[in-house]
C-alpha atoms as a PDB file:
ATOM      1  CA  UNK A   1       0.462   0.300   0.029  1.00  0.00           C
ATOM      2  CA  UNK A   2       3.055   2.511   0.288  1.00  0.00           C
ATOM      3  CA  UNK A   3       4.104   1.422  -2.324  1.00  0.00           C
ATOM      4  CA  UNK A   4       1.312   2.828  -4.303  1.00  0.00           C
ATOM      5  CA  UNK A   5       1.332   6.174  -2.462  1.00  0.00           C
ATOM      6  CA  UNK A   6       4.898   6.390  -3.201  1.00  0.00           C
ATOM      7  CA  UNK A   7       4.070   5.949  -6.945  1.00  0.00           C
ATOM      8  CA  UNK A   8       1.502   8.132  -7.248  1.00  0.00           C
ATOM      9  CA  UNK A   9       1.787  11.161  -8.893  1.00  0.00           C
ATOM     10  CA  UNK A  10      -0.040  13.559  -6.506  1.00  0.00           C
ATOM     11  CA  UNK A  11       1.691  12.690  -3.583  1.00  0.00           C
ATOM     12  CA  UNK A  12       4.763  13.085  -5.519  1.00  0.00           C
ATOM     13  CA  UNK A  13       3.061  16.688  -6.523  1.00  0.00           C
ATOM     14  CA  UNK A  14       2.822  17.100  -3.012  1.00  0.00           C
ATOM     15  CA  UNK A  15       6.927  16.200  -1.883  1.00  0.00           C
ATOM     16  CA  UNK A  16       7.689  18.475  -4.097  1.00  0.00           C
ATOM     17  CA  UNK A  17       5.502  21.581  -3.393  1.00  0.00           C
ATOM     18  CA  UNK A  18       6.741  21.263  -0.126  1.00  0.00           C
ATOM     19  CA  UNK A  19      10.120  20.562  -0.687  1.00  0.00           C
ATOM     20  CA  UNK A  20       9.672  24.097  -2.739  1.00  0.00           C
ATOM     21  CA  UNK A  21       8.045  26.047  -0.303  1.00  0.00           C
ATOM     22  CA  UNK A  22      10.802  25.082   2.109  1.00  0.00           C
ATOM     23  CA  UNK A  23      13.674  25.444   0.738  1.00  0.00           C
ATOM     24  CA  UNK A  24      11.620  28.606  -1.188  1.00  0.00           C
ATOM     25  CA  UNK A  25      11.869  30.487   2.402  1.00  0.00           C
ATOM     26  CA  UNK A  26      15.073  29.692   3.417  1.00  0.00           C
ATOM     27  CA  UNK A  27      16.398  31.510   0.211  1.00  0.00           C
ATOM     28  CA  UNK A  28      13.733  34.488   0.469  1.00  0.00           C
ATOM     29  CA  UNK A  29      15.174  35.697   3.836  1.00  0.00           C
ATOM     30  CA  UNK A  30      18.758  35.425   2.532  1.00  0.00           C
ATOM     31  CA  UNK A  31      19.263  39.370   2.524  1.00  0.00           C
ATOM     32  CA  UNK A  32      21.585  39.868  -0.481  1.00  0.00           C
ATOM     33  CA  UNK A  33      18.678  38.495  -1.960  1.00  0.00           C
ATOM     34  CA  UNK A  34      15.890  40.118  -0.370  1.00  0.00           C
ATOM     35  CA  UNK A  35      18.173  42.693  -2.330  1.00  0.00           C
ATOM     36  CA  UNK A  36      18.224  41.690  -5.532  1.00  0.00           C
ATOM     37  CA  UNK A  37      15.001  41.696  -5.877  1.00  0.00           C
ATOM     38  CA  UNK A  38      13.737  44.635  -4.385  1.00  0.00           C
ATOM     39  CA  UNK A  39      16.290  46.509  -6.479  1.00  0.00           C
ATOM     40  CA  UNK A  40      14.845  44.329 -10.005  1.00  0.00           C
ATOM     41  CA  UNK A  41      11.659  45.118  -8.754  1.00  0.00           C
ATOM     42  CA  UNK A  42      12.848  49.214  -8.138  1.00  0.00           C
ATOM     43  CA  UNK A  43      14.334  49.040 -12.251  1.00  0.00           C
ATOM     44  CA  UNK A  44      10.767  47.902 -13.804  1.00  0.00           C
ATOM     45  CA  UNK A  45       8.779  49.960 -12.134  1.00  0.00           C
ATOM     46  CA  UNK A  46      11.523  52.924 -13.037  1.00  0.00           C
ATOM     47  CA  UNK A  47      11.146  51.119 -16.856  1.00  0.00           C
ATOM     48  CA  UNK A  48       7.667  51.236 -16.647  1.00  0.00           C
ATOM     49  CA  UNK A  49       6.645  54.963 -15.777  1.00  0.00           C
ATOM     50  CA  UNK A  50       9.618  55.842 -18.448  1.00  0.00           C
ATOM     51  CA  UNK A  51       7.297  53.451 -20.691  1.00  0.00           C
ATOM     52  CA  UNK A  52       4.624  55.195 -20.374  1.00  0.00           C
ATOM     53  CA  UNK A  53       6.092  58.892 -20.589  1.00  0.00           C
ATOM     54  CA  UNK A  54       7.510  58.429 -24.061  1.00  0.00           C
ATOM     55  CA  UNK A  55       3.544  56.710 -24.744  1.00  0.00           C
ATOM     56  CA  UNK A  56       2.386  59.936 -23.745  1.00  0.00           C
ATOM     57  CA  UNK A  57       4.370  62.519 -25.424  1.00  0.00           C
ATOM     58  CA  UNK A  58       4.841  60.505 -28.978  1.00  0.00           C
ATOM     59  CA  UNK A  59       0.587  60.790 -28.227  1.00  0.00           C
ATOM     60  CA  UNK A  60       1.043  64.186 -27.467  1.00  0.00           C
ATOM     61  CA  UNK A  61       3.182  64.848 -30.940  1.00  0.00           C
ATOM     62  CA  UNK A  62       0.835  62.891 -32.444  1.00  0.00           C
ATOM     63  CA  UNK A  63      -1.889  64.830 -31.328  1.00  0.00           C
ATOM     64  CA  UNK A  64      -0.056  67.966 -33.145  1.00  0.00           C
ATOM     65  CA  UNK A  65       1.055  66.441 -36.748  1.00  0.00           C
ATOM     66  CA  UNK A  66      -3.350  65.848 -36.474  1.00  0.00           C
ATOM     67  CA  UNK A  67      -4.477  68.624 -35.313  1.00  0.00           C
ATOM     68  CA  UNK A  68      -1.564  70.657 -38.206  1.00  0.00           C
ATOM     69  CA  UNK A  69      -2.682  68.959 -40.462  1.00  0.00           C
ATOM     70  CA  UNK A  70      -6.764  69.237 -40.018  1.00  0.00           C
ATOM     71  CA  UNK A  71      -5.481  73.222 -39.816  1.00  0.00           C
ATOM     72  CA  UNK A  72      -3.587  72.959 -43.687  1.00  0.00           C
ATOM     73  CA  UNK A  73      -6.866  71.074 -44.980  1.00  0.00           C
ATOM     74  CA  UNK A  74      -9.192  74.165 -43.472  1.00  0.00           C
ATOM     75  CA  UNK A  75      -7.394  76.507 -45.169  1.00  0.00           C
ATOM     76  CA  UNK A  76      -6.892  74.724 -48.282  1.00  0.00           C
ATOM     77  CA  UNK A  77     -11.018  74.277 -48.239  1.00  0.00           C
ATOM     78  CA  UNK A  78     -10.664  77.964 -47.884  1.00  0.00           C
ATOM     79  CA  UNK A  79      -8.656  78.948 -50.294  1.00  0.00           C
ATOM     80  CA  UNK A  80     -10.147  77.174 -52.698  1.00  0.00           C
ATOM     81  CA  UNK A  81     -13.518  78.096 -51.810  1.00  0.00           C
ATOM     82  CA  UNK A  82     -12.601  81.501 -52.214  1.00  0.00           C
ATOM     83  CA  UNK A  83     -10.566  81.399 -55.571  1.00  0.00           C
ATOM     84  CA  UNK A  84     -13.852  79.792 -56.462  1.00  0.00           C
ATOM     85  CA  UNK A  85     -15.818  82.977 -55.188  1.00  0.00           C
ATOM     86  CA  UNK A  86     -13.318  85.256 -57.236  1.00  0.00           C
ATOM     87  CA  UNK A  87     -13.607  83.007 -61.154  1.00  0.00           C
ATOM     88  CA  UNK A  88     -17.626  83.786 -60.369  1.00  0.00           C
ATOM     89  CA  UNK A  89     -17.716  87.434 -59.873  1.00  0.00           C
ATOM     90  CA  UNK A  90     -15.179  87.679 -62.740  1.00  0.00           C
END
């Protein structure tokens, strides 16, 4: 009966999970590991912030280009309308 329990995959997964929890608990208590994890997390947060700023700047630039293009198109339409009016009056 004990052989059947040891051969069971659920039992093997349980033992491996318990061992992983114990090993992880020991590793996390180490000050160097904690410092490394904190530094990695801080770096990740900085990268995220920089990416958000870059995306915001690109969005603002794109909006500026769009509004400039719309203004230019409106000015062209106004010029065409004025030219048509002048031709009709002649």
